[in-house]
Amino acid sequence: MHFVQAKSLLTRWNGMNIYRGCSHGCIYCDSRSECYQMKHPFEDIEVKENAPVLLENILKTKRKKIMISTGSMSDPYQHCEEKLGMTRKCLELIDRYGFGASVITKSDLVLRDIDLFDSINRKSKSVLQMSLTIADDRLSKIIEPHVCTTARRYEVLKEFQKRAIPTVVWMTPFLPLLTDTEENLRTILDYCIDAGVKGIICFNIGMTLRQGDREYYYKALDRHFPGLSREYQKRYGSAYEVNSADNTRLMKLFHTTCEQHGILHTPDECFRYIAQMPEKSDQLSLFEDLEKS
């Protein structure tokens, strides 16, 4: 882990990455790709130690309230967050200035900050985006070795459901010949339905592989699933999109199930929902009524 003084924080899409790199060790992580031009080892987490200062300067001067998101490149709740509390500091600022917040994570450490998500959601809007990819906990511990299992993430979703904090699930990636099964898909869908998620982001029953990411993934396959990387190379070559042979049927099952349960199920509609900042949320109206009574 090392610290830097960042010159900027928010992207043009109002996203921020407080950390760069990750300690979760997921073997499929796209953020390892060379196109992102990371200048340090991926496990040597770069911490933008002035992120709260930069964020407060932005929030103090913005006239229009917006949704601030984090986690698109590096999980905001990786292991160093437990000690540093950088994500919590930023959420406290978002809460104080009345903005909305959305995080993408696969860590149960997010439960530490459920009080802030609750407060933000009462005043404006908060959304927890949780990655669920592997229903088999044994397999999850191989593929996502340093993070809690999918079953535990489902429990996190249920805790947010109790507080009526909206959730969206990233049901991606599916690893061909490993997790691209109907059983895996149905189990994760059952978790989502029971947890009352607002939407599910699933691009395809498959994954993407780019230079840097591909090499790391294949080495991991060689360690844990001998011979599987050769099968990938034979089937997909150097393709960017690596989809399951059963992609069409399983995606139809996915969309049909989501429609039956009123769950948003295209990336565009999920992204629109996450980014939409209500002028005055129902939660805030209720909160004000309670204060007056």
C-alpha atoms as a PDB file:
ATOM      1  CA  MET A   1       0.000   0.000   0.000  1.00  0.00           C
ATOM      2  CA  HIS A   2       1.229   3.485  -0.819  1.00  0.00           C
ATOM      3  CA  PHE A   3      -0.212   6.995  -0.617  1.00  0.00           C
ATOM      4  CA  VAL A   4      -0.487   9.714  -3.251  1.00  0.00           C
ATOM      5  CA  GLN A   5      -1.802  13.245  -3.471  1.00  0.00           C
ATOM      6  CA  ALA A   6      -4.361  13.161  -6.285  1.00  0.00           C
ATOM      7  CA  LYS A   7      -4.904  16.193  -8.522  1.00  0.00           C
ATOM      8  CA  SER A   8      -8.519  15.330  -9.311  1.00  0.00           C
ATOM      9  CA  LEU A   9     -11.173  12.929  -8.099  1.00  0.00           C
ATOM     10  CA  LEU A  10     -14.499  12.857  -9.960  1.00  0.00           C
ATOM     11  CA  THR A  11     -14.816  11.591 -13.522  1.00  0.00           C
ATOM     12  CA  ARG A  12     -17.193  13.238 -15.988  1.00  0.00           C
ATOM     13  CA  TRP A  13     -19.720  10.564 -14.960  1.00  0.00           C
ATOM     14  CA  ASN A  14     -19.418  11.656 -11.295  1.00  0.00           C
ATOM     15  CA  GLY A  15     -17.520   8.541 -10.309  1.00  0.00           C
ATOM     16  CA  MET A  16     -14.487   8.377  -8.038  1.00  0.00           C
ATOM     17  CA  ASN A  17     -11.860   5.785  -7.236  1.00  0.00           C
ATOM     18  CA  ILE A  18     -10.404   6.369  -3.801  1.00  0.00           C
ATOM     19  CA  TYR A  19      -8.136   3.348  -4.214  1.00  0.00           C
ATOM     20  CA  ARG A  20      -6.263   1.972  -7.227  1.00  0.00           C
ATOM     21  CA  GLY A  21      -5.511  -1.721  -7.254  1.00  0.00           C
ATOM     22  CA  CYS A  22      -7.212  -4.367  -5.133  1.00  0.00           C
ATOM     23  CA  SER A  23      -6.453  -7.038  -2.545  1.00  0.00           C
ATOM     24  CA  HIS A  24      -9.462  -9.304  -3.191  1.00  0.00           C
ATOM     25  CA  GLY A  25      -7.518 -11.466  -5.647  1.00  0.00           C
ATOM     26  CA  CYS A  26     -10.379 -12.267  -8.065  1.00  0.00           C
ATOM     27  CA  ILE A  27      -8.762 -14.179 -10.897  1.00  0.00           C
ATOM     28  CA  TYR A  28     -10.960 -12.599 -13.609  1.00  0.00           C
ATOM     29  CA  CYS A  29     -10.554  -8.907 -12.669  1.00  0.00           C
ATOM     30  CA  ASP A  30     -10.680  -6.655 -15.745  1.00  0.00           C
ATOM     31  CA  SER A  31      -8.979  -3.841 -13.825  1.00  0.00           C
ATOM     32  CA  ARG A  32      -5.688  -5.706 -14.292  1.00  0.00           C
ATOM     33  CA  SER A  33      -5.842  -4.956 -18.030  1.00  0.00           C
ATOM     34  CA  GLU A  34      -2.911  -3.012 -19.461  1.00  0.00           C
ATOM     35  CA  CYS A  35      -5.238  -0.460 -21.065  1.00  0.00           C
ATOM     36  CA  TYR A  36      -5.771   1.154 -17.643  1.00  0.00           C
ATOM     37  CA  GLN A  37      -2.044   1.990 -17.490  1.00  0.00           C
ATOM     38  CA  MET A  38      -1.515   1.205 -13.830  1.00  0.00           C
ATOM     39  CA  LYS A  39       2.074   2.098 -12.979  1.00  0.00           C
ATOM     40  CA  HIS A  40       2.367  -0.065  -9.855  1.00  0.00           C
ATOM     41  CA  PRO A  41       1.716  -3.736  -8.963  1.00  0.00           C
ATOM     42  CA  PHE A  42      -2.012  -4.401  -8.729  1.00  0.00           C
ATOM     43  CA  GLU A  43      -1.835  -5.657  -5.131  1.00  0.00           C
ATOM     44  CA  ASP A  44       0.160  -2.582  -4.024  1.00  0.00           C
ATOM     45  CA  ILE A  45      -2.909  -0.464  -3.302  1.00  0.00           C
ATOM     46  CA  GLU A  46      -2.613   3.194  -4.210  1.00  0.00           C
ATOM     47  CA  VAL A  47      -4.508   5.358  -1.726  1.00  0.00           C
ATOM     48  CA  LYS A  48      -5.615   8.858  -2.702  1.00  0.00           C
ATOM     49  CA  GLU A  49      -5.102  10.242   0.775  1.00  0.00           C
ATOM     50  CA  ASN A  50      -6.516  13.675  -0.109  1.00  0.00           C
ATOM     51  CA  ALA A  51      -9.710  12.217  -1.613  1.00  0.00           C
ATOM     52  CA  PRO A  52     -11.973  13.564   1.182  1.00  0.00           C
ATOM     53  CA  VAL A  53     -10.507  17.070   0.770  1.00  0.00           C
ATOM     54  CA  LEU A  54     -10.988  16.982  -2.999  1.00  0.00           C
ATOM     55  CA  LEU A  55     -14.516  15.656  -2.629  1.00  0.00           C
ATOM     56  CA  GLU A  56     -15.542  18.307  -0.102  1.00  0.00           C
ATOM     57  CA  ASN A  57     -14.222  21.063  -2.371  1.00  0.00           C
ATOM     58  CA  ILE A  58     -16.401  19.681  -5.166  1.00  0.00           C
ATOM     59  CA  LEU A  59     -19.523  19.238  -3.053  1.00  0.00           C
ATOM     60  CA  LYS A  60     -19.267  22.732  -1.556  1.00  0.00           C
ATOM     61  CA  THR A  61     -19.325  24.352  -4.987  1.00  0.00           C
ATOM     62  CA  LYS A  62     -21.797  22.161  -6.907  1.00  0.00           C
ATOM     63  CA  ARG A  63     -25.205  23.768  -7.188  1.00  0.00           C
ATOM     64  CA  LYS A  64     -27.020  20.727  -8.527  1.00  0.00           C
ATOM     65  CA  LYS A  65     -27.260  17.642  -6.332  1.00  0.00           C
ATOM     66  CA  ILE A  66     -25.970  14.533  -8.094  1.00  0.00           C
ATOM     67  CA  MET A  67     -25.284  10.871  -7.424  1.00  0.00           C
ATOM     68  CA  ILE A  68     -21.639  10.237  -6.518  1.00  0.00           C
ATOM     69  CA  SER A  69     -20.507   6.703  -7.299  1.00  0.00           C
ATOM     70  CA  THR A  70     -17.431   4.669  -6.419  1.00  0.00           C
ATOM     71  CA  GLY A  71     -16.136   1.190  -7.131  1.00  0.00           C
ATOM     72  CA  SER A  72     -16.082   0.943 -10.916  1.00  0.00           C
ATOM     73  CA  MET A  73     -12.345   0.223 -11.034  1.00  0.00           C
ATOM     74  CA  SER A  74     -11.329  -0.679  -7.486  1.00  0.00           C
ATOM     75  CA  ASP A  75     -13.508  -1.958  -4.663  1.00  0.00           C
ATOM     76  CA  PRO A  76     -14.050   0.829  -2.104  1.00  0.00           C
ATOM     77  CA  TYR A  77     -14.354  -1.792   0.651  1.00  0.00           C
ATOM     78  CA  GLN A  78     -11.164  -3.754   0.220  1.00  0.00           C
ATOM     79  CA  HIS A  79      -9.103  -4.743   3.238  1.00  0.00           C
ATOM     80  CA  CYS A  80      -7.211  -1.484   3.841  1.00  0.00           C
ATOM     81  CA  GLU A  81     -10.526   0.402   4.088  1.00  0.00           C
ATOM     82  CA  GLU A  82     -11.192  -1.268   7.434  1.00  0.00           C
ATOM     83  CA  LYS A  83      -8.198   0.591   8.894  1.00  0.00           C
ATOM     84  CA  LEU A  84      -8.132   3.752   6.767  1.00  0.00           C
ATOM     85  CA  GLY A  85     -11.853   4.519   6.551  1.00  0.00           C
ATOM     86  CA  MET A  86     -11.434   6.605   3.394  1.00  0.00           C
ATOM     87  CA  THR A  87     -14.715   5.453   1.876  1.00  0.00           C
ATOM     88  CA  ARG A  88     -16.559   6.182   5.104  1.00  0.00           C
ATOM     89  CA  LYS A  89     -15.090   9.695   5.244  1.00  0.00           C
ATOM     90  CA  CYS A  90     -16.331  10.354   1.718  1.00  0.00           C
ATOM     91  CA  LEU A  91     -19.784   8.986   2.513  1.00  0.00           C
ATOM     92  CA  GLU A  92     -19.957  11.250   5.550  1.00  0.00           C
ATOM     93  CA  LEU A  93     -19.297  14.245   3.296  1.00  0.00           C
ATOM     94  CA  ILE A  94     -21.914  13.124   0.779  1.00  0.00           C
ATOM     95  CA  ASP A  95     -24.385  12.786   3.621  1.00  0.00           C
ATOM     96  CA  ARG A  96     -23.493  16.169   5.100  1.00  0.00           C
ATOM     97  CA  TYR A  97     -23.903  18.039   1.825  1.00  0.00           C
ATOM     98  CA  GLY A  98     -27.095  16.276   0.765  1.00  0.00           C
ATOM     99  CA  PHE A  99     -25.863  14.424  -2.306  1.00  0.00           C
ATOM    100  CA  GLY A 100     -26.660  10.875  -3.401  1.00  0.00           C
ATOM    101  CA  ALA A 101     -24.275   7.925  -3.185  1.00  0.00           C
ATOM    102  CA  SER A 102     -23.780   4.619  -4.937  1.00  0.00           C
ATOM    103  CA  VAL A 103     -21.053   2.052  -4.342  1.00  0.00           C
ATOM    104  CA  ILE A 104     -20.038  -1.129  -6.159  1.00  0.00           C
ATOM    105  CA  THR A 105     -18.531  -3.781  -3.894  1.00  0.00           C
ATOM    106  CA  LYS A 106     -18.354  -7.471  -3.134  1.00  0.00           C
ATOM    107  CA  SER A 107     -17.309  -7.009   0.486  1.00  0.00           C
ATOM    108  CA  ASP A 108     -19.439  -7.337   3.601  1.00  0.00           C
ATOM    109  CA  LEU A 109     -17.412  -4.478   5.130  1.00  0.00           C
ATOM    110  CA  VAL A 110     -20.049  -2.228   3.556  1.00  0.00           C
ATOM    111  CA  LEU A 111     -22.306  -3.185   6.472  1.00  0.00           C
ATOM    112  CA  ARG A 112     -20.112  -1.037   8.712  1.00  0.00           C
ATOM    113  CA  ASP A 113     -21.470   2.022   6.901  1.00  0.00           C
ATOM    114  CA  ILE A 114     -25.116   1.014   6.611  1.00  0.00           C
ATOM    115  CA  ASP A 115     -25.973   3.874   8.967  1.00  0.00           C
ATOM    116  CA  LEU A 116     -24.636   6.346   6.411  1.00  0.00           C
ATOM    117  CA  PHE A 117     -26.415   4.662   3.507  1.00  0.00           C
ATOM    118  CA  ASP A 118     -29.604   4.856   5.539  1.00  0.00           C
ATOM    119  CA  SER A 119     -29.107   8.549   6.321  1.00  0.00           C
ATOM    120  CA  ILE A 120     -28.252   9.431   2.725  1.00  0.00           C
ATOM    121  CA  ASN A 121     -31.228   7.480   1.422  1.00  0.00           C
ATOM    122  CA  ARG A 122     -33.600   9.313   3.778  1.00  0.00           C
ATOM    123  CA  LYS A 123     -32.334  12.695   2.569  1.00  0.00           C
ATOM    124  CA  SER A 124     -31.759  11.954  -1.111  1.00  0.00           C
ATOM    125  CA  LYS A 125     -30.820   8.520  -2.473  1.00  0.00           C
ATOM    126  CA  SER A 126     -28.301   5.760  -1.905  1.00  0.00           C
ATOM    127  CA  VAL A 127     -27.806   2.558  -3.877  1.00  0.00           C
ATOM    128  CA  LEU A 128     -25.748  -0.476  -2.966  1.00  0.00           C
ATOM    129  CA  GLN A 129     -24.402  -2.287  -6.018  1.00  0.00           C
ATOM    130  CA  MET A 130     -23.249  -5.772  -5.055  1.00  0.00           C
ATOM    131  CA  SER A 131     -21.439  -8.289  -7.275  1.00  0.00           C
ATOM    132  CA  LEU A 132     -22.871 -11.817  -7.195  1.00  0.00           C
ATOM    133  CA  THR A 133     -21.183 -14.239  -9.562  1.00  0.00           C
ATOM    134  CA  ILE A 134     -20.615 -17.681  -8.060  1.00  0.00           C
ATOM    135  CA  ALA A 135     -23.277 -19.542  -6.084  1.00  0.00           C
ATOM    136  CA  ASP A 136     -20.940 -22.409  -5.102  1.00  0.00           C
ATOM    137  CA  ASP A 137     -19.055 -21.133  -2.039  1.00  0.00           C
ATOM    138  CA  ARG A 138     -16.259 -23.674  -2.509  1.00  0.00           C
ATOM    139  CA  LEU A 139     -15.661 -22.460  -6.054  1.00  0.00           C
ATOM    140  CA  SER A 140     -16.022 -18.849  -4.962  1.00  0.00           C
ATOM    141  CA  LYS A 141     -13.106 -19.263  -2.548  1.00  0.00           C
ATOM    142  CA  ILE A 142     -10.897 -20.347  -5.449  1.00  0.00           C
ATOM    143  CA  ILE A 143     -11.971 -17.712  -7.949  1.00  0.00           C
ATOM    144  CA  GLU A 144     -12.497 -14.824  -5.497  1.00  0.00           C
ATOM    145  CA  PRO A 145     -10.100 -15.942  -2.737  1.00  0.00           C
ATOM    146  CA  HIS A 146      -9.844 -12.916  -0.436  1.00  0.00           C
ATOM    147  CA  VAL A 147     -13.435 -11.710  -0.261  1.00  0.00           C
ATOM    148  CA  CYS A 148     -16.619 -12.997   1.335  1.00  0.00           C
ATOM    149  CA  THR A 149     -18.720 -15.608  -0.446  1.00  0.00           C
ATOM    150  CA  THR A 150     -21.794 -14.937  -2.545  1.00  0.00           C
ATOM    151  CA  ALA A 151     -23.971 -16.402   0.216  1.00  0.00           C
ATOM    152  CA  ARG A 152     -22.597 -13.777   2.602  1.00  0.00           C
ATOM    153  CA  ARG A 153     -23.193 -11.008   0.049  1.00  0.00           C
ATOM    154  CA  TYR A 154     -26.803 -12.157  -0.175  1.00  0.00           C
ATOM    155  CA  GLU A 155     -27.033 -11.646   3.583  1.00  0.00           C
ATOM    156  CA  VAL A 156     -25.707  -8.113   3.100  1.00  0.00           C
ATOM    157  CA  LEU A 157     -28.402  -7.429   0.509  1.00  0.00           C
ATOM    158  CA  LYS A 158     -31.022  -8.632   2.978  1.00  0.00           C
ATOM    159  CA  GLU A 159     -29.762  -6.187   5.612  1.00  0.00           C
ATOM    160  CA  PHE A 160     -30.093  -3.299   3.153  1.00  0.00           C
ATOM    161  CA  GLN A 161     -33.554  -4.582   2.196  1.00  0.00           C
ATOM    162  CA  LYS A 162     -34.633  -4.318   5.852  1.00  0.00           C
ATOM    163  CA  ARG A 163     -33.846  -0.587   5.723  1.00  0.00           C
ATOM    164  CA  ALA A 164     -35.484  -0.082   2.309  1.00  0.00           C
ATOM    165  CA  ILE A 165     -32.155   0.971   0.787  1.00  0.00           C
ATOM    166  CA  PRO A 166     -32.251   0.104  -2.925  1.00  0.00           C
ATOM    167  CA  THR A 167     -29.820  -2.459  -4.293  1.00  0.00           C
ATOM    168  CA  VAL A 168     -28.586  -3.443  -7.745  1.00  0.00           C
ATOM    169  CA  VAL A 169     -26.666  -6.648  -8.458  1.00  0.00           C
ATOM    170  CA  TRP A 170     -23.806  -7.028 -10.927  1.00  0.00           C
ATOM    171  CA  MET A 171     -24.302 -10.609 -12.098  1.00  0.00           C
ATOM    172  CA  THR A 172     -21.077 -10.702 -14.031  1.00  0.00           C
ATOM    173  CA  PRO A 173     -18.797 -12.297 -15.054  1.00  0.00           C
ATOM    174  CA  PHE A 174     -19.834 -15.862 -15.821  1.00  0.00           C
ATOM    175  CA  LEU A 175     -16.735 -17.959 -16.475  1.00  0.00           C
ATOM    176  CA  PRO A 176     -17.181 -20.356 -19.421  1.00  0.00           C
ATOM    177  CA  LEU A 177     -16.805 -24.001 -18.463  1.00  0.00           C
ATOM    178  CA  LEU A 178     -16.789 -23.061 -14.772  1.00  0.00           C
ATOM    179  CA  THR A 179     -19.800 -20.989 -13.712  1.00  0.00           C
ATOM    180  CA  ASP A 180     -21.878 -20.686 -16.905  1.00  0.00           C
ATOM    181  CA  THR A 181     -24.514 -23.165 -15.749  1.00  0.00           C
ATOM    182  CA  GLU A 182     -28.263 -22.886 -15.345  1.00  0.00           C
ATOM    183  CA  GLU A 183     -27.932 -23.962 -11.714  1.00  0.00           C
ATOM    184  CA  ASN A 184     -25.536 -21.097 -10.965  1.00  0.00           C
ATOM    185  CA  LEU A 185     -27.747 -18.591 -12.772  1.00  0.00           C
ATOM    186  CA  ARG A 186     -30.960 -19.732 -11.056  1.00  0.00           C
ATOM    187  CA  THR A 187     -29.389 -19.723  -7.591  1.00  0.00           C
ATOM    188  CA  ILE A 188     -28.118 -16.154  -7.963  1.00  0.00           C
ATOM    189  CA  LEU A 189     -31.472 -15.068  -9.391  1.00  0.00           C
ATOM    190  CA  ASP A 190     -33.200 -16.618  -6.369  1.00  0.00           C
ATOM    191  CA  TYR A 191     -30.921 -14.603  -4.083  1.00  0.00           C
ATOM    192  CA  CYS A 192     -31.780 -11.422  -5.988  1.00  0.00           C
ATOM    193  CA  ILE A 193     -35.529 -12.063  -5.952  1.00  0.00           C
ATOM    194  CA  ASP A 194     -35.590 -12.826  -2.235  1.00  0.00           C
ATOM    195  CA  ALA A 195     -33.484  -9.757  -1.449  1.00  0.00           C
ATOM    196  CA  GLY A 196     -35.827  -7.523  -3.469  1.00  0.00           C
ATOM    197  CA  VAL A 197     -33.146  -6.012  -5.687  1.00  0.00           C
ATOM    198  CA  LYS A 198     -34.160  -3.135  -7.932  1.00  0.00           C
ATOM    199  CA  GLY A 199     -32.110  -4.277 -10.903  1.00  0.00           C
ATOM    200  CA  ILE A 200     -29.565  -6.790 -12.182  1.00  0.00           C
ATOM    201  CA  ILE A 201     -26.733  -5.871 -14.540  1.00  0.00           C
ATOM    202  CA  CYS A 202     -25.823  -8.827 -16.755  1.00  0.00           C
ATOM    203  CA  PHE A 203     -24.212  -8.139 -20.121  1.00  0.00           C
ATOM    204  CA  ASN A 204     -23.973 -11.778 -21.223  1.00  0.00           C
ATOM    205  CA  ILE A 205     -23.348 -15.229 -19.823  1.00  0.00           C
ATOM    206  CA  GLY A 206     -19.629 -14.789 -20.271  1.00  0.00           C
ATOM    207  CA  MET A 207     -16.712 -12.509 -19.548  1.00  0.00           C
ATOM    208  CA  THR A 208     -14.196 -10.193 -21.185  1.00  0.00           C
ATOM    209  CA  LEU A 209     -10.452 -10.751 -21.517  1.00  0.00           C
ATOM    210  CA  ARG A 210      -7.894  -8.122 -22.448  1.00  0.00           C
ATOM    211  CA  GLN A 211      -4.120  -7.977 -22.483  1.00  0.00           C
ATOM    212  CA  GLY A 212      -2.850  -8.175 -18.929  1.00  0.00           C
ATOM    213  CA  ASP A 213      -6.105  -9.556 -17.570  1.00  0.00           C
ATOM    214  CA  ARG A 214      -6.030 -12.537 -19.950  1.00  0.00           C
ATOM    215  CA  GLU A 215      -2.526 -13.626 -18.977  1.00  0.00           C
ATOM    216  CA  TYR A 216      -3.281 -13.418 -15.257  1.00  0.00           C
ATOM    217  CA  TYR A 217      -6.514 -15.356 -15.680  1.00  0.00           C
ATOM    218  CA  TYR A 218      -4.891 -18.134 -17.688  1.00  0.00           C
ATOM    219  CA  LYS A 219      -2.113 -18.559 -15.108  1.00  0.00           C
ATOM    220  CA  ALA A 220      -4.760 -18.872 -12.395  1.00  0.00           C
ATOM    221  CA  LEU A 221      -6.625 -21.465 -14.470  1.00  0.00           C
ATOM    222  CA  ASP A 222      -3.395 -23.428 -14.877  1.00  0.00           C
ATOM    223  CA  ARG A 223      -2.932 -23.478 -11.099  1.00  0.00           C
ATOM    224  CA  HIS A 224      -6.454 -24.482 -10.150  1.00  0.00           C
ATOM    225  CA  PHE A 225      -7.976 -26.096 -13.268  1.00  0.00           C
ATOM    226  CA  PRO A 226      -5.161 -27.720 -15.302  1.00  0.00           C
ATOM    227  CA  GLY A 227      -5.868 -27.843 -19.022  1.00  0.00           C
ATOM    228  CA  LEU A 228      -8.708 -25.322 -18.958  1.00  0.00           C
ATOM    229  CA  SER A 229      -6.670 -22.413 -20.307  1.00  0.00           C
ATOM    230  CA  ARG A 230      -5.789 -24.489 -23.385  1.00  0.00           C
ATOM    231  CA  GLU A 231      -9.500 -25.086 -23.971  1.00  0.00           C
ATOM    232  CA  TYR A 232     -10.121 -21.319 -23.728  1.00  0.00           C
ATOM    233  CA  GLN A 233      -7.372 -20.600 -26.232  1.00  0.00           C
ATOM    234  CA  LYS A 234      -8.761 -23.208 -28.610  1.00  0.00           C
ATOM    235  CA  ARG A 235     -12.324 -21.868 -28.372  1.00  0.00           C
ATOM    236  CA  TYR A 236     -11.770 -18.128 -28.096  1.00  0.00           C
ATOM    237  CA  GLY A 237      -8.246 -17.297 -29.251  1.00  0.00           C
ATOM    238  CA  SER A 238      -7.542 -13.655 -28.339  1.00  0.00           C
ATOM    239  CA  ALA A 239     -11.201 -12.550 -28.441  1.00  0.00           C
ATOM    240  CA  TYR A 240     -12.283  -9.746 -26.115  1.00  0.00           C
ATOM    241  CA  GLU A 241     -15.783 -11.133 -25.540  1.00  0.00           C
ATOM    242  CA  VAL A 242     -15.699 -14.695 -24.225  1.00  0.00           C
ATOM    243  CA  ASN A 243     -19.274 -15.941 -24.026  1.00  0.00           C
ATOM    244  CA  SER A 244     -20.717 -19.277 -22.955  1.00  0.00           C
ATOM    245  CA  ALA A 245     -21.855 -21.694 -25.633  1.00  0.00           C
ATOM    246  CA  ASP A 246     -25.203 -21.585 -23.800  1.00  0.00           C
ATOM    247  CA  ASN A 247     -25.363 -17.789 -23.745  1.00  0.00           C
ATOM    248  CA  THR A 248     -28.541 -17.332 -25.800  1.00  0.00           C
ATOM    249  CA  ARG A 249     -30.684 -19.761 -23.809  1.00  0.00           C
ATOM    250  CA  LEU A 250     -29.451 -18.606 -20.409  1.00  0.00           C
ATOM    251  CA  MET A 251     -29.865 -14.912 -21.238  1.00  0.00           C
ATOM    252  CA  LYS A 252     -33.448 -15.606 -22.284  1.00  0.00           C
ATOM    253  CA  LEU A 253     -34.008 -17.305 -18.931  1.00  0.00           C
ATOM    254  CA  PHE A 254     -32.438 -14.326 -17.174  1.00  0.00           C
ATOM    255  CA  HIS A 255     -34.607 -11.699 -18.898  1.00  0.00           C
ATOM    256  CA  THR A 256     -37.799 -13.729 -18.532  1.00  0.00           C
ATOM    257  CA  THR A 257     -37.226 -14.296 -14.809  1.00  0.00           C
ATOM    258  CA  CYS A 258     -36.496 -10.624 -14.172  1.00  0.00           C
ATOM    259  CA  GLU A 259     -39.632  -9.537 -16.059  1.00  0.00           C
ATOM    260  CA  GLN A 260     -41.740 -11.948 -13.992  1.00  0.00           C
ATOM    261  CA  HIS A 261     -40.480 -10.360 -10.777  1.00  0.00           C
ATOM    262  CA  GLY A 262     -40.407  -6.695 -11.830  1.00  0.00           C
ATOM    263  CA  ILE A 263     -36.607  -6.413 -11.766  1.00  0.00           C
ATOM    264  CA  LEU A 264     -34.781  -4.006 -14.096  1.00  0.00           C
ATOM    265  CA  HIS A 265     -32.666  -6.207 -16.340  1.00  0.00           C
ATOM    266  CA  THR A 266     -30.892  -4.254 -19.064  1.00  0.00           C
ATOM    267  CA  PRO A 267     -27.667  -2.378 -18.307  1.00  0.00           C
ATOM    268  CA  ASP A 268     -29.056   0.901 -19.680  1.00  0.00           C
ATOM    269  CA  GLU A 269     -32.160   0.933 -17.486  1.00  0.00           C
ATOM    270  CA  CYS A 270     -30.109  -0.063 -14.427  1.00  0.00           C
ATOM    271  CA  PHE A 271     -27.560   2.677 -15.065  1.00  0.00           C
ATOM    272  CA  ARG A 272     -30.322   5.242 -15.575  1.00  0.00           C
ATOM    273  CA  TYR A 273     -31.919   4.242 -12.292  1.00  0.00           C
ATOM    274  CA  ILE A 274     -28.621   4.433 -10.393  1.00  0.00           C
ATOM    275  CA  ALA A 275     -27.689   7.840 -11.825  1.00  0.00           C
ATOM    276  CA  GLN A 276     -31.120   9.433 -11.394  1.00  0.00           C
ATOM    277  CA  MET A 277     -31.153  11.874  -8.504  1.00  0.00           C
ATOM    278  CA  PRO A 278     -34.675  12.561  -7.245  1.00  0.00           C
ATOM    279  CA  GLU A 279     -35.633  16.202  -6.797  1.00  0.00           C
ATOM    280  CA  LYS A 280     -37.190  15.256  -3.511  1.00  0.00           C
ATOM    281  CA  SER A 281     -37.355  11.605  -2.598  1.00  0.00           C
ATOM    282  CA  ASP A 282     -40.275   9.858  -0.958  1.00  0.00           C
ATOM    283  CA  GLN A 283     -37.930   8.972   1.901  1.00  0.00           C
ATOM    284  CA  LEU A 284     -37.209  12.638   2.570  1.00  0.00           C
ATOM    285  CA  SER A 285     -40.894  13.567   2.541  1.00  0.00           C
ATOM    286  CA  LEU A 286     -41.585  10.822   5.051  1.00  0.00           C
ATOM    287  CA  PHE A 287     -38.631  11.899   7.174  1.00  0.00           C
ATOM    288  CA  GLU A 288     -39.854  15.517   7.241  1.00  0.00           C
ATOM    289  CA  ASP A 289     -43.396  14.426   8.160  1.00  0.00           C
ATOM    290  CA  LEU A 290     -42.027  12.435  11.060  1.00  0.00           C
ATOM    291  CA  GLU A 291     -39.972  15.405  12.227  1.00  0.00           C
ATOM    292  CA  LYS A 292     -43.061  17.654  12.224  1.00  0.00           C
ATOM    293  CA  SER A 293     -45.251  15.184  14.103  1.00  0.00           C
END
